[in-house]
Amino acid sequence: MVYPHISTSADLLKSTVRLDELFPFLMEQGTASAAIVNTKLYGILPFWEACHKAGIHGVVGLSTFIEFEEQEYPVVLYAQTNQGYKNLLKISSALSTRDKTALPESWLKAYRGGLLCVVPNKTEWTLTDRGEVFKFIKAVFGEQCFGGIERPGGERMAEEDGFAAQCVQHNMRIMATQESRYMQEADAFAFEVASAIGQGLKMNDDQRKRPEHTKAYVPSGEEFISWFSSNPEWLEETKKMLASCQVSIPMNQQLLPVYPLPENTDRKAHIWELCQKGLKERVPEVTEAYTERLQYELSVISNMGYIDYFLIVADFMKFARDNGILTGPGRGSSASSLVAYSLQITDVDPLEHGLLFERFLNPERVTLPDIDIDFADHRRHEVVEYVAGKYGDVRTAQIITFGTLSAKAVARDTARVFGFEAEELDAISKMIPSRIGTTLRSALKESSALNDWIVQKEERKSWFKTALKLEGLPRHASTHAAGVILSPTPLVEQVPIEKGSEGIFITQWPMGELEAVGLLKMDFLGLRNLTILEQIRKLVYLDTKKRIDYRKLPLDDDKTYALLAAMDTTGIFQLESDGMRRALQQIRPTAFGDIVAVNALFRPGPMEFIPLYARRKHKQERVDYVHPILEPILSETYGVIVYQEQIMQIAARMAGFSLGEADLLRRAVSKKKREILDEERLHFTSGAMAKGFTEEAATEVYNLIVRFADYGFPKSHAVAYSMISYQLAYMKTHYAVYFYAAILANSAGNAEKTQQLLQEIKDKNIGLLPPSVQRSFHSYSVEEGRIRVGLNSVKGVPGSAVKVLLEARKEGPFSSMFDIAERISAIHFTRKAFEPLIKAGALDDFGLDRAVLLASLDSAIKHAELVKPNEEPGLFDEMGSSFMKPKYARASTIPENLKLDFEKEVLGFYLSTHPIAREKEQRGKNYAEMRSLKNVQDRQPVAVLGMVEEVKRIRTKKGDAMAFVNLQDETGLASVTLFPKEYAKYNALLEPHAVLEVQGTVENRNHKISIICKSIEQ
């Protein structure tokens, strides 16, 4: 049995054939050959791999169109030889990068080598006389041109005889074919729905492209043979054609890019020179230990053939530095490399921090190096563009990723195609959780409501059944957030590409497939915390002209460690969570190593050792070692194994392993496979005994390694990321105003985080100034030691209006609201832009009450329309228009409460003062602050005053009504629980924005705080 045309689900929504269903069926049919035929080269490698495993002869095809006399005709091109396969890569890439749907005559002739062409008996080839195009295609492909006849479900097409006659007339062999787009005949409807989702049209839409028939399934051998029983010779032709396609897709090559150097340059000598020079700049005194390590690392890098790779990374890192783009200190295991440190790829000195090169590159386990680089996220694309510019856009690409139809997505997409109403779509969204790992079946098990809803209507049953069939199919392609591919030759020789964003190509294959071929992936990651550090640095420079070099910050600053021990870590990378704050409070860091350790330990599992680490650090408990040989290795972590590097050092020191072998041991032991554990135990104990240790001591230490293998964290990663944590903590300690300005800018849109930051700013007596048309910039800025709110923080104001306003201000300050109106034109001076600005206090500089400004807004808008209707030079520009400025309207002073409500509406927070703070002053009572409740013991009585943010009313299992209320004061939010008895009493008071005094007891469970209500007063 042979299958000449299987379209797989990798061809986005053009097929529902999944490989895990297809291959068991193909094997059952005793398949000899199978061809994948998609409209792009998506999904080729997984298909190829599956054929190989199943012992089936795999063939690669591409379904496309040819251009002839301004018309398009469908064809299927098959790779008959390796040259043909390479030409398919080029054809698919050319069509996808140039947005063409058909191959022009010139392309067809250029790329025809090694290809077979099958002309299908589709409408385009059977309408009227197609003699000329048959003649053309035959002339291009000669003997390698076939006519392909389909008989779906055994039915002959009306035009079959005419088509066959044309093939005979043009001396083209005929083969039997069957375009398979779904597994079984019963899947035809689900396929049609998938196709409609792909087209973005409803099933009943007249514009929808419908399938030609409902028999595009994968037939059994018997069926296929019976369909062509009148022409068995066509089946033979199909077998021969597929058997003649002999392609080998080269895998696991080492396609490493080449760094451009002048001819005859000795690459080894060149990198050695660069490293020596770089090391002298970074290390005050280069000892023998540094020189030896550098020589060793370079010999490994050179033997593995990775010199060019390091030169390339060093080069684009230099570009980033030269252009003021902040880069991370390192990520993952690359921070273990002294070569990387010397070339300024990383900022971590591996000798100072005891990092092992073998954790990064192990000479005993050859793998591609993996240097991931973090950049300030808003400038990452500049580095990618630089790389594409330097190495050529044909050798550089970003990586494709495929989004699949998750449970919620498939349910909504299918419902939309079915024509469900908007409220039904909303109901579906609410009944199916967005949780990762949710499937339609698990959602149905979880929710009786979903089950009840489905069984109400036949159409809903059909909807759910269809959605189940489509769940998990690839839906759309997008660009991988970080991965970039660099190739030594044009990419199209190895992998198909398509048009990407930002003018850089993307590959048609995802990451795993590219690595399988042997292409090198580099991760250019955007890290928001680097953007924050860059913004802090910029704000400091703008205000003080002082340039901060983060690499030169002292790592022994006592004030910074005091800030961490005081749990003052809002806005500090990796140290913000409540759990992490508690860990810092226990450990009370006094050195950089403590931050590294807490970052490595704060994970499920090793977390249990934090109290032990803390007790031993503070000399409340003696440090014990299983064996004295462990002391020099584990003393830095008080006898606790925290890092993978420590496991490697123990194996090297006690059992005589090389560090390469020790890395293999670490990997093997963490897999926890019984036979591997026993094998390695023997290896370890015999090595230790050979070094004079007893079997008992070796066994005890090996057991320790096994226990901690899962817990061990790469120290290189922990050190590098702790650098960012430390830098942010240092800036918060010594440059708090600039720190908060940058963090506020990055928390825009997150009301809870903004509230938390504003409270801290208030506690630290840092002034917060309102937005101002005279003084504010786009974002938060620093002004005389205080933070000025940026104009972009005002909700609803178009970015274009802010831009024009700031541009106009460069010519001098504004004298009035009318002056702004005539300087920025009626296009930008609109109610939408200026009403929120007035409410936020951004025009208070003119010395008028906000009520006056709001009352005068209409006349200012009319003034703009008269004096400067658009941005062209106006009639009154020369006159300065001073003679016709309107007067401000009269209005009574805006009430304080309304002023505060307006601020909350347009800024998301109360700027002048919080209404609850004012209310507390007026009441003159003592209330607990919401933020301090986490320090109150369980069941303690408490009184709070707050404003109702949200009320959630529910019924108990007995059917009684109760409620959960979110109450906010000036320090934060608290949850108040009203059980049925209290709810019955106070329900009428639970209105949004109501100010309530609540008496109750604190419930402090698993660090979740709520107040159990006893009484409420207004």
Foldseek 3Di string as FASTA:
>chain_A
DEAEAEEDLQQFLQFLHDPVVPLVQCLVLVAAEYEYEHQAQGPVVVVVVSCVVSVHQYWYKYWAWADDPNDTAIKIKTQLEQLLVLLSLVVRQVCFAVVHRHHYLVSCLVSVPRIAIEHEPDPVPQPDDPLVVLLSVCVRNPQRYAYEYEDQQLHHDPRVVVSVVSCVVNVHHYAYHAHARYADLVCLVLSQLSQCLQVVAAPPDPPRDGDPDSRRHDDRPVRSCVSCVVPVVRHVVSVVSRVSRDYDAAWQDAFEAAADDPPPDDLLVVLLVLLVVLVVVQDVDCDPVNVVLQVVVSVLCVVLPNSRVLVLLLVLVVVCVVVVWDKFQFAPQVLLHSSCCSSVSHLHRNVVVVGHNLSQPFSVDHDDGAGAMEIAQVCLVVSLVVSCVVQPLLFKAFAKDFDACAALNLLLSLCVNNVHDPVVNVVSPVQFDPDPPGHVVNSVVVDVPLVVVQVVDPSSVVSSVSSNSRGGRGHDMATDQWKMWGGNDRCSSNFRWRAHPPRHIYTSYGDVVCVRRNIDIYGYHHDNLSNLVSQLQVQCCVVPVDGDDLSPDDQQDQLLLQCLLVLVQQPFPPQNDPLSSVLSVLQSDRGLLSQLQSSQQPDPPSVVCSNVQSCLNVVVDQQDELDPVLCVLCVSSSRQQRALSSQLVCQCVQLVDDSSVSSVLLVQLLVVDVVSLVVVLVSSLVSNVVVPDDSVSSNVVSVSSSSCSNSHDHSSNSSRSSSSSSSLSVCCSPVVQSSLQSVCQVCQPPLQSNLQSVLVCVVVVAAEAFAALQDAAQAWHDDPRHIYGHLVLFPQADPVLRVLSVVLCVVDGAQALLSSLQSSALVRLDCSHVVSCLLRVHHCVNVDASQQVVQCSVVSSVSRCVRHHDPDDGPCVVVSCVVPRDDTDDDDHDDPVVSQVSNCVGNVHRRPDWVQVVVCVVVVDDADAQVCLLVDDFFAKGKHKFFWADKDWDADPVGAIWIWTWTDDSNHIAIETEDRVACVVCVVQRDGRRIKIFIFTWHQDPNRIHGYTDHIDD
